[in-house]
């Protein structure tokens, strides 16, 4: 369904998101990918570390509140070289309250969340937990739908979103309501400057202190990458 609604562009965004983070460039990393049950980002992280930096020690803990998504991710990873290795693990947990016995303070080098934080009840709670589990110097990275700033593009995007996405949901998934919610949730998500402030309020440093700045718009702001560093 994601392929249909985005014409496959979400795959390119995820590729770009992970590539810019350069996992493995400075040696093996402990990563946590939240709301990542299907394993899309985790697999990209491990592949990038191995293919670009000859790193077979970087690991990813995949976290999702949805058990079915985790089952799908586990099934996908059974087809890869990482299955049954210490490089990948799957955990059912709430991003807003990660269990400290599984995810202690100051544990991870990289925290990623892609197209998931928008659906959380309390974004500040998610950011607070991200800050808690990251090591000092660790990076928070979020890929999410965002606010289109160009008026013409914004108008065209709204027309497509509110007409075509629910229609495709009806035709391809038999579920118009979920895809209507998708469109509405994107519009309710904080615009780039506001979300960047929320990241700073959680204790992260953003802006000039982070590679690439506080955020990077993709396709005019249809999606956006936000980053912060824990001091």
N, C-alpha and C. Protein backbone atom coordinates (compact mmCIF):
# COMPACT_ATOMS: atom_id res chain seq x y z
N UNK A 1 0.83 -1.20 0.00
CA UNK A 1 0.00 0.00 0.00
C UNK A 1 0.87 1.26 0.00
N UNK A 2 1.96 1.21 0.75
CA UNK A 2 2.86 2.36 0.75
C UNK A 2 3.42 2.63 -0.64
N UNK A 3 3.69 1.56 -1.37
CA UNK A 3 4.19 1.73 -2.73
C UNK A 3 3.16 2.43 -3.60
N UNK A 4 1.89 2.04 -3.44
CA UNK A 4 0.84 2.62 -4.26
C UNK A 4 0.62 4.09 -3.93
N UNK A 5 0.57 4.42 -2.65
CA UNK A 5 0.26 5.80 -2.26
C UNK A 5 1.41 6.76 -2.49
N UNK A 6 2.64 6.24 -2.49
CA UNK A 6 3.80 7.13 -2.68
C UNK A 6 4.52 6.86 -4.00
N UNK A 7 3.95 5.97 -4.83
CA UNK A 7 4.59 5.57 -6.08
C UNK A 7 6.00 5.00 -5.83
N UNK A 8 6.17 4.37 -4.67
CA UNK A 8 7.46 3.75 -4.34
C UNK A 8 8.50 4.70 -3.80
N UNK A 9 8.17 5.99 -3.70
CA UNK A 9 9.16 6.99 -3.28
C UNK A 9 9.59 6.76 -1.84
N UNK A 10 8.72 6.19 -1.01
CA UNK A 10 9.09 5.98 0.40
C UNK A 10 10.34 5.11 0.51
N UNK A 11 10.56 4.23 -0.46
CA UNK A 11 11.77 3.39 -0.44
C UNK A 11 13.01 4.25 -0.67
N UNK A 12 12.91 5.20 -1.57
CA UNK A 12 14.04 6.10 -1.84
C UNK A 12 14.32 6.97 -0.62
N UNK A 13 13.26 7.45 0.02
CA UNK A 13 13.44 8.26 1.23
C UNK A 13 14.14 7.45 2.32
N UNK A 14 13.75 6.21 2.51
CA UNK A 14 14.38 5.36 3.53
C UNK A 14 15.84 5.09 3.18
N UNK A 15 16.11 4.85 1.90
CA UNK A 15 17.50 4.64 1.46
C UNK A 15 18.36 5.87 1.79
N UNK A 16 17.84 7.04 1.45
CA UNK A 16 18.56 8.29 1.68
C UNK A 16 18.74 8.55 3.18
N UNK A 17 17.72 8.26 3.95
CA UNK A 17 17.73 8.45 5.40
C UNK A 17 18.87 7.67 6.04
N UNK A 18 18.96 6.38 5.71
CA UNK A 18 19.99 5.53 6.31
C UNK A 18 21.37 5.87 5.77
N UNK A 19 21.47 6.11 4.48
CA UNK A 19 22.78 6.42 3.89
C UNK A 19 23.40 7.65 4.52
N UNK A 20 22.57 8.67 4.79
CA UNK A 20 23.09 9.91 5.38
C UNK A 20 23.58 9.69 6.80
N UNK A 21 23.06 8.69 7.49
CA UNK A 21 23.49 8.41 8.87
C UNK A 21 24.82 7.66 8.91
N UNK A 22 25.19 7.04 7.80
CA UNK A 22 26.48 6.35 7.67
C UNK A 22 26.74 5.34 8.80
N UNK A 23 25.81 4.41 9.05
CA UNK A 23 26.07 3.42 10.10
C UNK A 23 27.30 2.58 9.77
N UNK A 24 28.15 2.41 10.74
CA UNK A 24 29.36 1.62 10.56
C UNK A 24 30.58 2.41 10.15
N UNK A 25 30.40 3.68 9.81
CA UNK A 25 31.54 4.47 9.31
C UNK A 25 32.60 4.64 10.39
N UNK A 26 32.17 4.79 11.62
CA UNK A 26 33.12 4.98 12.72
C UNK A 26 33.26 3.74 13.59
N UNK A 27 32.94 2.60 13.04
CA UNK A 27 33.03 1.36 13.77
C UNK A 27 31.66 0.82 14.14
N UNK A 28 31.60 -0.37 14.71
CA UNK A 28 30.32 -0.99 15.06
C UNK A 28 29.46 -0.11 15.96
N UNK A 29 28.15 -0.15 15.73
CA UNK A 29 27.21 0.67 16.48
C UNK A 29 26.11 -0.20 17.06
N UNK A 30 25.61 0.22 18.21
CA UNK A 30 24.38 -0.35 18.76
C UNK A 30 23.24 0.59 18.38
N UNK A 31 22.28 0.06 17.62
CA UNK A 31 21.19 0.87 17.09
C UNK A 31 19.85 0.36 17.62
N UNK A 32 18.92 1.28 17.75
CA UNK A 32 17.54 0.92 18.08
C UNK A 32 16.65 1.58 17.04
N UNK A 33 15.80 0.77 16.41
CA UNK A 33 14.85 1.29 15.43
C UNK A 33 13.45 1.11 15.98
N UNK A 34 12.79 2.21 16.28
CA UNK A 34 11.49 2.19 16.95
C UNK A 34 10.37 2.38 15.93
N UNK A 35 9.25 1.69 16.18
CA UNK A 35 8.13 1.66 15.23
C UNK A 35 8.61 1.09 13.90
N UNK A 36 9.54 0.15 14.00
CA UNK A 36 10.16 -0.41 12.80
C UNK A 36 9.91 -1.88 12.62
N UNK A 37 8.73 -2.35 13.02
CA UNK A 37 8.44 -3.77 13.04
C UNK A 37 8.72 -4.54 11.78
N UNK A 38 8.48 -3.93 10.62
CA UNK A 38 8.66 -4.65 9.36
C UNK A 38 10.13 -4.84 9.01
N UNK A 39 11.02 -4.13 9.71
CA UNK A 39 12.45 -4.33 9.49
C UNK A 39 13.05 -3.53 8.36
N UNK A 40 12.28 -2.64 7.74
CA UNK A 40 12.78 -1.88 6.59
C UNK A 40 14.04 -1.10 6.91
N UNK A 41 14.02 -0.35 8.00
CA UNK A 41 15.17 0.49 8.35
C UNK A 41 16.30 -0.37 8.91
N UNK A 42 15.97 -1.35 9.73
CA UNK A 42 17.00 -2.21 10.33
C UNK A 42 17.83 -2.90 9.26
N UNK A 43 17.16 -3.44 8.25
CA UNK A 43 17.89 -4.13 7.19
C UNK A 43 18.79 -3.17 6.42
N UNK A 44 18.30 -1.97 6.19
CA UNK A 44 19.12 -0.97 5.50
C UNK A 44 20.35 -0.60 6.32
N UNK A 45 20.16 -0.47 7.64
CA UNK A 45 21.30 -0.13 8.51
C UNK A 45 22.36 -1.22 8.44
N UNK A 46 21.95 -2.47 8.59
CA UNK A 46 22.91 -3.57 8.59
C UNK A 46 23.58 -3.74 7.23
N UNK A 47 22.80 -3.60 6.16
CA UNK A 47 23.38 -3.71 4.81
C UNK A 47 24.38 -2.59 4.55
N UNK A 48 24.04 -1.37 4.97
CA UNK A 48 24.94 -0.24 4.74
C UNK A 48 26.25 -0.45 5.50
N UNK A 49 26.15 -0.84 6.76
CA UNK A 49 27.35 -1.05 7.56
C UNK A 49 28.24 -2.13 6.94
N UNK A 50 27.62 -3.18 6.45
CA UNK A 50 28.40 -4.30 5.89
C UNK A 50 28.96 -3.96 4.51
N UNK A 51 28.12 -3.39 3.64
CA UNK A 51 28.53 -3.17 2.26
C UNK A 51 29.47 -1.97 2.09
N UNK A 52 29.26 -0.93 2.89
CA UNK A 52 30.06 0.29 2.73
C UNK A 52 31.27 0.33 3.65
N UNK A 53 31.17 -0.33 4.81
CA UNK A 53 32.23 -0.20 5.81
C UNK A 53 32.74 -1.56 6.32
N UNK A 54 32.34 -2.64 5.65
CA UNK A 54 32.82 -3.98 6.00
C UNK A 54 32.58 -4.30 7.48
N UNK A 55 31.49 -3.81 7.99
CA UNK A 55 31.16 -3.94 9.41
C UNK A 55 30.08 -5.01 9.58
N UNK A 56 30.43 -6.10 10.26
CA UNK A 56 29.48 -7.17 10.54
C UNK A 56 29.16 -7.26 12.03
N UNK A 57 29.43 -6.19 12.76
CA UNK A 57 29.19 -6.19 14.20
C UNK A 57 28.11 -5.19 14.63
N UNK A 58 27.80 -4.20 13.79
CA UNK A 58 26.70 -3.29 14.11
C UNK A 58 25.43 -4.10 14.34
N UNK A 59 24.65 -3.71 15.35
CA UNK A 59 23.42 -4.44 15.68
C UNK A 59 22.24 -3.48 15.74
N UNK A 60 21.05 -4.03 15.53
CA UNK A 60 19.83 -3.23 15.60
C UNK A 60 18.80 -3.96 16.45
N UNK A 61 18.26 -3.25 17.43
CA UNK A 61 17.11 -3.73 18.20
C UNK A 61 15.86 -3.10 17.59
N UNK A 62 15.00 -3.92 17.02
CA UNK A 62 13.77 -3.43 16.40
C UNK A 62 12.65 -3.44 17.44
N UNK A 63 11.99 -2.29 17.57
CA UNK A 63 10.93 -2.15 18.57
C UNK A 63 9.63 -1.74 17.87
N UNK A 64 8.54 -2.38 18.24
CA UNK A 64 7.23 -1.99 17.71
C UNK A 64 6.16 -2.39 18.72
N UNK A 65 5.10 -1.61 18.78
CA UNK A 65 4.00 -1.93 19.68
C UNK A 65 3.05 -2.94 19.06
N UNK A 66 3.19 -3.15 17.74
CA UNK A 66 2.29 -4.02 16.98
C UNK A 66 2.95 -5.39 16.77
N UNK A 67 2.40 -6.40 17.41
CA UNK A 67 2.99 -7.73 17.33
C UNK A 67 2.96 -8.29 15.91
N UNK A 68 1.93 -7.96 15.14
CA UNK A 68 1.84 -8.47 13.76
C UNK A 68 2.94 -7.89 12.90
N UNK A 69 3.24 -6.62 13.10
CA UNK A 69 4.34 -6.00 12.35
C UNK A 69 5.67 -6.68 12.67
N UNK A 70 5.88 -6.98 13.95
CA UNK A 70 7.10 -7.65 14.36
C UNK A 70 7.22 -9.04 13.74
N UNK A 71 6.09 -9.74 13.67
CA UNK A 71 6.09 -11.06 13.03
C UNK A 71 6.48 -10.94 11.56
N UNK A 72 5.99 -9.90 10.91
CA UNK A 72 6.34 -9.69 9.50
C UNK A 72 7.83 -9.39 9.36
N UNK A 73 8.37 -8.55 10.26
CA UNK A 73 9.79 -8.25 10.21
C UNK A 73 10.64 -9.49 10.47
N UNK A 74 10.25 -10.30 11.44
CA UNK A 74 10.97 -11.53 11.74
C UNK A 74 10.95 -12.47 10.54
N UNK A 75 9.78 -12.56 9.89
CA UNK A 75 9.66 -13.42 8.71
C UNK A 75 10.59 -12.95 7.60
N UNK A 76 10.66 -11.63 7.39
CA UNK A 76 11.54 -11.09 6.35
C UNK A 76 13.00 -11.38 6.66
N UNK A 77 13.37 -11.23 7.92
CA UNK A 77 14.77 -11.42 8.28
C UNK A 77 15.20 -12.88 8.22
N UNK A 78 14.25 -13.81 8.24
CA UNK A 78 14.59 -15.22 8.09
C UNK A 78 15.21 -15.50 6.72
N UNK A 79 14.97 -14.60 5.77
CA UNK A 79 15.51 -14.76 4.42
C UNK A 79 16.90 -14.14 4.27
N UNK A 80 17.39 -13.50 5.33
CA UNK A 80 18.65 -12.77 5.22
C UNK A 80 19.77 -13.46 6.01
N UNK A 81 20.98 -13.00 5.78
CA UNK A 81 22.15 -13.53 6.48
C UNK A 81 22.18 -13.14 7.96
N UNK A 82 21.33 -12.20 8.35
CA UNK A 82 21.37 -11.71 9.73
C UNK A 82 20.50 -12.53 10.67
N UNK A 83 19.66 -13.41 10.11
CA UNK A 83 18.75 -14.20 10.94
C UNK A 83 19.55 -15.08 11.90
N UNK A 84 19.08 -15.14 13.14
CA UNK A 84 19.74 -15.94 14.19
C UNK A 84 21.17 -15.47 14.49
N UNK A 85 21.41 -14.18 14.32
CA UNK A 85 22.70 -13.61 14.72
C UNK A 85 22.45 -12.55 15.79
N UNK A 86 23.53 -12.11 16.41
CA UNK A 86 23.43 -11.08 17.45
C UNK A 86 23.19 -9.71 16.85
N UNK A 87 23.15 -9.62 15.53
CA UNK A 87 23.00 -8.31 14.89
C UNK A 87 21.56 -7.82 14.86
N UNK A 88 20.59 -8.68 15.10
CA UNK A 88 19.19 -8.26 15.01
C UNK A 88 18.37 -8.89 16.14
N UNK A 89 17.46 -8.10 16.71
CA UNK A 89 16.53 -8.61 17.71
C UNK A 89 15.22 -7.85 17.59
N UNK A 90 14.13 -8.48 17.99
CA UNK A 90 12.80 -7.88 17.86
C UNK A 90 12.14 -7.81 19.23
N UNK A 91 11.52 -6.66 19.53
CA UNK A 91 10.95 -6.43 20.85
C UNK A 91 9.59 -5.74 20.73
N UNK A 92 8.59 -6.28 21.40
CA UNK A 92 7.28 -5.63 21.46
C UNK A 92 7.28 -4.67 22.63
N UNK A 93 7.17 -3.38 22.35
CA UNK A 93 7.22 -2.38 23.41
C UNK A 93 6.63 -1.07 22.91
N UNK A 94 6.27 -0.22 23.85
CA UNK A 94 5.70 1.09 23.57
C UNK A 94 6.82 2.13 23.51
N UNK A 95 6.90 2.88 22.42
CA UNK A 95 7.95 3.89 22.24
C UNK A 95 7.92 4.94 23.34
N UNK A 96 6.75 5.14 23.95
CA UNK A 96 6.60 6.17 24.96
C UNK A 96 7.09 5.73 26.34
N UNK A 97 7.31 4.42 26.50
CA UNK A 97 7.74 3.90 27.80
C UNK A 97 8.51 2.59 27.56
N UNK A 98 9.72 2.70 27.06
CA UNK A 98 10.53 1.53 26.79
C UNK A 98 10.93 0.87 28.11
N UNK A 99 10.81 -0.45 28.22
CA UNK A 99 11.17 -1.12 29.48
C UNK A 99 12.65 -0.96 29.79
N UNK A 100 12.96 -0.39 30.94
CA UNK A 100 14.35 -0.07 31.29
C UNK A 100 15.19 -1.33 31.49
N UNK A 101 14.56 -2.45 31.84
CA UNK A 101 15.33 -3.67 32.03
C UNK A 101 15.84 -4.24 30.69
N UNK A 102 15.15 -3.89 29.62
CA UNK A 102 15.57 -4.33 28.28
C UNK A 102 16.39 -3.24 27.59
N UNK A 103 16.00 -1.99 27.84
CA UNK A 103 16.65 -0.85 27.21
C UNK A 103 17.13 0.12 28.30
N UNK A 104 18.30 -0.17 28.89
CA UNK A 104 18.81 0.68 29.97
C UNK A 104 19.23 2.06 29.46
N UNK A 105 19.45 2.96 30.40
CA UNK A 105 19.95 4.29 30.07
C UNK A 105 21.31 4.19 29.36
N UNK A 106 21.54 5.14 28.45
CA UNK A 106 22.87 5.30 27.84
C UNK A 106 23.38 4.03 27.17
N UNK A 107 22.52 3.43 26.34
CA UNK A 107 22.85 2.14 25.73
C UNK A 107 23.20 2.22 24.24
N UNK A 108 22.50 3.08 23.50
CA UNK A 108 22.57 3.03 22.03
C UNK A 108 23.33 4.20 21.43
N UNK A 109 23.96 3.92 20.29
CA UNK A 109 24.67 4.95 19.53
C UNK A 109 23.74 5.69 18.57
N UNK A 110 22.70 4.99 18.11
CA UNK A 110 21.80 5.55 17.10
C UNK A 110 20.37 5.10 17.38
N UNK A 111 19.46 6.07 17.38
CA UNK A 111 18.02 5.81 17.54
C UNK A 111 17.34 6.30 16.27
N UNK A 112 16.63 5.40 15.59
CA UNK A 112 15.90 5.79 14.39
C UNK A 112 14.41 5.51 14.57
N UNK A 113 13.61 6.35 13.94
CA UNK A 113 12.17 6.14 13.89
C UNK A 113 11.68 6.71 12.56
N UNK A 114 11.07 5.88 11.74
CA UNK A 114 10.66 6.29 10.40
C UNK A 114 9.15 6.10 10.22
N UNK A 115 8.48 7.19 9.96
CA UNK A 115 7.03 7.19 9.73
C UNK A 115 6.28 6.51 10.88
N UNK A 116 6.72 6.80 12.12
CA UNK A 116 6.08 6.18 13.26
C UNK A 116 5.73 7.14 14.37
N UNK A 117 6.54 8.17 14.56
CA UNK A 117 6.32 9.07 15.70
C UNK A 117 5.02 9.84 15.56
N UNK A 118 4.59 10.04 14.34
CA UNK A 118 3.33 10.77 14.08
C UNK A 118 2.14 10.07 14.72
N UNK A 119 2.21 8.75 14.86
CA UNK A 119 1.09 7.97 15.37
C UNK A 119 1.12 7.77 16.88
N UNK A 120 2.13 8.30 17.54
CA UNK A 120 2.24 8.13 18.99
C UNK A 120 1.38 9.16 19.72
N UNK A 121 0.81 8.75 20.83
CA UNK A 121 -0.09 9.62 21.59
C UNK A 121 0.65 10.82 22.16
N UNK A 122 1.87 10.59 22.67
CA UNK A 122 2.66 11.66 23.28
C UNK A 122 4.04 11.71 22.63
N UNK A 123 4.22 12.63 21.71
CA UNK A 123 5.51 12.79 21.05
C UNK A 123 6.60 13.17 22.06
N UNK A 124 6.34 14.09 22.99
CA UNK A 124 7.39 14.41 23.99
C UNK A 124 7.85 13.19 24.77
N UNK A 125 6.95 12.25 25.08
CA UNK A 125 7.34 11.05 25.81
C UNK A 125 8.27 10.18 24.97
N UNK A 126 7.99 10.09 23.68
CA UNK A 126 8.85 9.32 22.78
C UNK A 126 10.24 9.94 22.74
N UNK A 127 10.30 11.26 22.61
CA UNK A 127 11.58 11.96 22.54
C UNK A 127 12.35 11.82 23.85
N UNK A 128 11.65 11.87 24.97
CA UNK A 128 12.30 11.71 26.27
C UNK A 128 12.93 10.34 26.40
N UNK A 129 12.20 9.30 25.95
CA UNK A 129 12.73 7.94 25.99
C UNK A 129 13.91 7.76 25.05
N UNK A 130 13.83 8.39 23.89
CA UNK A 130 14.94 8.33 22.94
C UNK A 130 16.20 8.91 23.58
N UNK A 131 16.04 10.04 24.24
CA UNK A 131 17.17 10.69 24.91
C UNK A 131 17.72 9.80 26.02
N UNK A 132 16.84 9.13 26.75
CA UNK A 132 17.27 8.28 27.87
C UNK A 132 18.13 7.12 27.39
N UNK A 133 17.71 6.43 26.33
CA UNK A 133 18.40 5.20 25.94
C UNK A 133 19.66 5.45 25.10
N UNK A 134 19.82 6.67 24.58
CA UNK A 134 21.02 6.98 23.79
C UNK A 134 22.21 7.26 24.70
N UNK A 135 23.38 6.87 24.23
CA UNK A 135 24.62 7.23 24.92
C UNK A 135 24.90 8.72 24.70
N UNK A 136 25.68 9.35 25.57
CA UNK A 136 26.16 10.70 25.25
C UNK A 136 26.91 10.67 23.91
N UNK A 137 26.56 11.61 23.04
CA UNK A 137 27.13 11.62 21.70
C UNK A 137 26.30 10.84 20.70
N UNK A 138 25.26 10.12 21.19
CA UNK A 138 24.40 9.34 20.31
C UNK A 138 23.47 10.22 19.50
N UNK A 139 23.00 9.70 18.37
CA UNK A 139 22.18 10.46 17.43
C UNK A 139 20.74 9.98 17.41
N UNK A 140 19.82 10.93 17.49
CA UNK A 140 18.38 10.68 17.25
C UNK A 140 18.09 11.08 15.82
N UNK A 141 17.44 10.20 15.06
CA UNK A 141 17.11 10.50 13.66
C UNK A 141 15.69 10.06 13.36
N UNK A 142 14.90 10.98 12.83
CA UNK A 142 13.49 10.74 12.57
C UNK A 142 13.16 11.07 11.12
N UNK A 143 12.54 10.14 10.43
CA UNK A 143 12.01 10.37 9.08
C UNK A 143 10.50 10.37 9.20
N UNK A 144 9.88 11.47 8.78
CA UNK A 144 8.43 11.58 8.95
C UNK A 144 7.83 12.48 7.87
N UNK A 145 6.55 12.23 7.55
CA UNK A 145 5.83 13.16 6.69
C UNK A 145 5.78 14.52 7.37
N UNK A 146 5.79 15.58 6.58
CA UNK A 146 5.91 16.90 7.19
C UNK A 146 5.09 17.94 6.44
N UNK A 147 5.49 19.19 6.56
CA UNK A 147 4.73 20.32 6.04
C UNK A 147 5.35 20.83 4.74
N UNK A 148 4.55 20.87 3.69
CA UNK A 148 5.01 21.40 2.40
C UNK A 148 4.93 22.92 2.44
N UNK A 149 6.04 23.58 2.14
CA UNK A 149 6.10 25.03 2.28
C UNK A 149 5.76 25.79 1.01
N UNK A 150 5.99 25.18 -0.15
CA UNK A 150 5.65 25.84 -1.42
C UNK A 150 4.14 25.83 -1.62
N UNK A 151 3.49 27.00 -1.77
CA UNK A 151 2.02 27.04 -1.84
C UNK A 151 1.45 26.22 -2.99
N UNK A 152 2.07 26.28 -4.17
CA UNK A 152 1.55 25.53 -5.31
C UNK A 152 1.67 24.03 -5.07
N UNK A 153 2.85 23.59 -4.62
CA UNK A 153 3.06 22.17 -4.34
C UNK A 153 2.14 21.71 -3.22
N UNK A 154 1.94 22.57 -2.22
CA UNK A 154 1.07 22.22 -1.11
C UNK A 154 -0.37 21.98 -1.59
N UNK A 155 -0.85 22.84 -2.49
CA UNK A 155 -2.20 22.68 -3.03
C UNK A 155 -2.35 21.38 -3.80
N UNK A 156 -1.37 21.09 -4.65
CA UNK A 156 -1.41 19.85 -5.43
C UNK A 156 -1.33 18.62 -4.53
N UNK A 157 -0.48 18.72 -3.52
CA UNK A 157 -0.31 17.60 -2.58
C UNK A 157 -1.59 17.35 -1.80
N UNK A 158 -2.25 18.43 -1.36
CA UNK A 158 -3.51 18.27 -0.63
C UNK A 158 -4.58 17.62 -1.51
N UNK A 159 -4.65 18.05 -2.76
CA UNK A 159 -5.64 17.48 -3.66
C UNK A 159 -5.41 15.99 -3.85
N UNK A 160 -4.15 15.62 -4.03
CA UNK A 160 -3.82 14.19 -4.19
C UNK A 160 -4.12 13.43 -2.91
N UNK A 161 -3.68 13.98 -1.78
CA UNK A 161 -3.80 13.28 -0.50
C UNK A 161 -5.25 13.00 -0.13
N UNK A 162 -6.09 14.03 -0.23
CA UNK A 162 -7.46 13.89 0.27
C UNK A 162 -8.39 13.18 -0.71
N UNK A 163 -7.96 13.01 -1.95
CA UNK A 163 -8.80 12.30 -2.92
C UNK A 163 -8.24 10.92 -3.26
N UNK A 164 -6.98 10.87 -3.67
CA UNK A 164 -6.42 9.63 -4.19
C UNK A 164 -6.04 8.62 -3.11
N UNK A 165 -5.45 9.09 -2.00
CA UNK A 165 -4.98 8.13 -0.99
C UNK A 165 -6.14 7.35 -0.36
N UNK A 166 -7.24 8.01 0.08
CA UNK A 166 -8.37 7.22 0.59
C UNK A 166 -8.98 6.31 -0.47
N UNK A 167 -8.99 6.78 -1.73
CA UNK A 167 -9.52 5.95 -2.81
C UNK A 167 -8.67 4.70 -3.02
N UNK A 168 -7.35 4.89 -3.02
CA UNK A 168 -6.46 3.73 -3.16
C UNK A 168 -6.61 2.78 -1.98
N UNK A 169 -6.83 3.36 -0.79
CA UNK A 169 -7.06 2.51 0.38
C UNK A 169 -8.29 1.65 0.22
N UNK A 170 -9.33 2.21 -0.37
CA UNK A 170 -10.56 1.47 -0.62
C UNK A 170 -10.35 0.37 -1.64
N UNK A 171 -9.66 0.72 -2.73
CA UNK A 171 -9.49 -0.23 -3.84
C UNK A 171 -8.51 -1.34 -3.50
N UNK A 172 -7.37 -0.98 -2.93
CA UNK A 172 -6.30 -1.95 -2.74
C UNK A 172 -6.33 -2.66 -1.40
N UNK A 173 -6.87 -1.98 -0.37
CA UNK A 173 -6.86 -2.59 0.96
C UNK A 173 -8.26 -2.78 1.53
N UNK A 174 -9.28 -2.25 0.86
CA UNK A 174 -10.63 -2.35 1.39
C UNK A 174 -10.79 -1.61 2.69
N UNK A 175 -10.02 -0.54 2.86
CA UNK A 175 -9.99 0.17 4.15
C UNK A 175 -9.80 1.66 3.90
N UNK A 176 -10.88 2.35 3.64
CA UNK A 176 -10.80 3.78 3.38
C UNK A 176 -10.47 4.56 4.66
N UNK A 177 -11.07 4.15 5.79
CA UNK A 177 -10.94 4.92 7.02
C UNK A 177 -9.48 5.05 7.48
N UNK A 178 -8.72 3.95 7.39
CA UNK A 178 -7.32 3.99 7.84
C UNK A 178 -6.50 4.95 7.02
N UNK A 179 -6.78 5.02 5.73
CA UNK A 179 -5.98 5.89 4.87
C UNK A 179 -6.48 7.33 4.91
N UNK A 180 -7.75 7.51 5.28
CA UNK A 180 -8.22 8.86 5.58
C UNK A 180 -7.54 9.37 6.83
N UNK A 181 -7.38 8.49 7.83
CA UNK A 181 -6.67 8.85 9.06
C UNK A 181 -5.22 9.20 8.75
N UNK A 182 -4.59 8.42 7.85
CA UNK A 182 -3.21 8.69 7.46
C UNK A 182 -3.05 10.13 6.98
N UNK A 183 -3.93 10.54 6.09
CA UNK A 183 -3.87 11.90 5.53
C UNK A 183 -4.05 12.94 6.63
N UNK A 184 -5.04 12.72 7.48
CA UNK A 184 -5.34 13.69 8.54
C UNK A 184 -4.22 13.75 9.58
N UNK A 185 -3.61 12.61 9.90
CA UNK A 185 -2.53 12.60 10.90
C UNK A 185 -1.31 13.35 10.40
N UNK A 186 -1.06 13.29 9.10
CA UNK A 186 0.06 14.04 8.53
C UNK A 186 -0.16 15.54 8.71
N UNK A 187 -1.38 15.99 8.50
CA UNK A 187 -1.68 17.43 8.62
C UNK A 187 -1.61 17.90 10.06
N UNK A 188 -1.83 17.01 11.02
CA UNK A 188 -1.80 17.38 12.43
C UNK A 188 -0.39 17.36 13.02
N UNK A 189 0.55 16.74 12.31
CA UNK A 189 1.91 16.63 12.84
C UNK A 189 2.56 18.01 12.86
N UNK A 190 3.35 18.32 13.89
CA UNK A 190 3.95 19.65 14.00
C UNK A 190 4.82 20.00 12.79
N UNK A 191 4.76 21.25 12.33
CA UNK A 191 5.65 21.68 11.23
C UNK A 191 7.11 21.62 11.67
N UNK A 192 8.01 21.71 10.70
CA UNK A 192 9.43 21.47 10.94
C UNK A 192 10.01 22.28 12.11
N UNK A 193 9.84 23.61 12.16
CA UNK A 193 10.45 24.36 13.27
C UNK A 193 9.90 23.94 14.64
N UNK A 194 8.61 23.64 14.70
CA UNK A 194 7.98 23.26 15.97
C UNK A 194 8.49 21.89 16.43
N UNK A 195 8.61 20.95 15.50
CA UNK A 195 9.10 19.63 15.87
C UNK A 195 10.57 19.70 16.28
N UNK A 196 11.35 20.52 15.60
CA UNK A 196 12.77 20.70 15.96
C UNK A 196 12.88 21.24 17.39
N UNK A 197 11.98 22.14 17.76
CA UNK A 197 11.98 22.68 19.12
C UNK A 197 11.64 21.59 20.13
N UNK A 198 10.71 20.71 19.78
CA UNK A 198 10.36 19.61 20.67
C UNK A 198 11.56 18.69 20.90
N UNK A 199 12.34 18.48 19.86
CA UNK A 199 13.55 17.65 19.98
C UNK A 199 14.54 18.33 20.93
N UNK A 200 14.70 19.64 20.78
CA UNK A 200 15.61 20.37 21.69
C UNK A 200 15.08 20.35 23.12
N UNK A 201 13.77 20.49 23.28
CA UNK A 201 13.19 20.49 24.62
C UNK A 201 13.40 19.15 25.33
N UNK A 202 13.57 18.08 24.54
CA UNK A 202 13.83 16.76 25.13
C UNK A 202 15.28 16.60 25.57
N UNK A 203 16.12 17.61 25.25
CA UNK A 203 17.50 17.57 25.70
C UNK A 203 18.53 17.40 24.60
N UNK A 204 18.07 17.30 23.35
CA UNK A 204 19.01 17.12 22.25
C UNK A 204 19.53 18.46 21.74
N UNK A 205 20.69 18.40 21.13
CA UNK A 205 21.26 19.55 20.42
C UNK A 205 20.93 19.37 18.95
N UNK A 206 20.46 20.43 18.30
CA UNK A 206 20.14 20.37 16.88
C UNK A 206 20.82 21.54 16.16
N UNK A 207 20.49 21.71 14.91
CA UNK A 207 20.98 22.87 14.16
C UNK A 207 22.43 22.73 13.73
N UNK A 208 23.20 23.79 13.91
CA UNK A 208 24.58 23.84 13.43
C UNK A 208 25.48 22.79 14.08
N UNK A 209 25.04 22.24 15.21
CA UNK A 209 25.86 21.26 15.92
C UNK A 209 25.67 19.85 15.38
N UNK A 210 24.76 19.68 14.43
CA UNK A 210 24.43 18.37 13.90
C UNK A 210 24.70 18.36 12.41
N UNK A 211 25.32 17.27 11.90
CA UNK A 211 25.56 17.16 10.46
C UNK A 211 24.26 17.33 9.69
N UNK A 212 24.23 18.27 8.74
CA UNK A 212 23.06 18.48 7.92
C UNK A 212 22.05 19.45 8.51
N UNK A 213 22.29 19.96 9.72
CA UNK A 213 21.37 20.91 10.31
C UNK A 213 20.26 20.22 11.09
N UNK A 214 19.30 21.01 11.57
CA UNK A 214 18.23 20.49 12.41
C UNK A 214 17.28 19.59 11.63
N UNK A 215 17.04 19.93 10.36
CA UNK A 215 16.17 19.08 9.54
C UNK A 215 16.51 19.24 8.07
N UNK A 216 16.07 18.25 7.29
CA UNK A 216 16.26 18.27 5.84
C UNK A 216 14.94 17.90 5.18
N UNK A 217 14.38 18.82 4.41
CA UNK A 217 13.15 18.54 3.69
C UNK A 217 13.42 17.62 2.50
N UNK A 218 12.52 16.69 2.28
CA UNK A 218 12.56 15.81 1.12
C UNK A 218 11.34 16.09 0.26
N UNK A 219 11.58 16.26 -1.01
CA UNK A 219 10.50 16.54 -1.96
C UNK A 219 9.66 17.75 -1.50
N UNK A 220 10.36 18.83 -1.15
CA UNK A 220 9.67 20.06 -0.80
C UNK A 220 9.00 20.06 0.55
N UNK A 221 9.30 19.06 1.38
CA UNK A 221 8.70 18.99 2.71
C UNK A 221 7.61 17.95 2.83
N UNK A 222 7.34 17.20 1.75
CA UNK A 222 6.38 16.10 1.87
C UNK A 222 6.84 15.14 2.96
N UNK A 223 8.14 14.91 3.01
CA UNK A 223 8.75 14.18 4.12
C UNK A 223 9.93 15.01 4.63
N UNK A 224 10.40 14.67 5.81
CA UNK A 224 11.49 15.46 6.40
C UNK A 224 12.32 14.57 7.34
N UNK A 225 13.63 14.81 7.35
CA UNK A 225 14.52 14.12 8.28
C UNK A 225 14.93 15.11 9.37
N UNK A 226 14.69 14.74 10.61
CA UNK A 226 15.12 15.52 11.77
C UNK A 226 16.19 14.77 12.51
N UNK A 227 17.20 15.49 12.99
CA UNK A 227 18.27 14.86 13.75
C UNK A 227 18.61 15.69 15.00
N UNK A 228 19.06 14.99 16.02
CA UNK A 228 19.54 15.64 17.22
C UNK A 228 20.62 14.78 17.86
N UNK A 229 21.47 15.39 18.65
CA UNK A 229 22.55 14.68 19.31
C UNK A 229 22.42 14.86 20.83
N UNK A 230 22.61 13.77 21.56
CA UNK A 230 22.61 13.82 23.01
C UNK A 230 24.00 14.18 23.49
N UNK A 231 24.12 15.24 24.26
CA UNK A 231 25.42 15.65 24.79
C UNK A 231 25.80 14.82 26.01
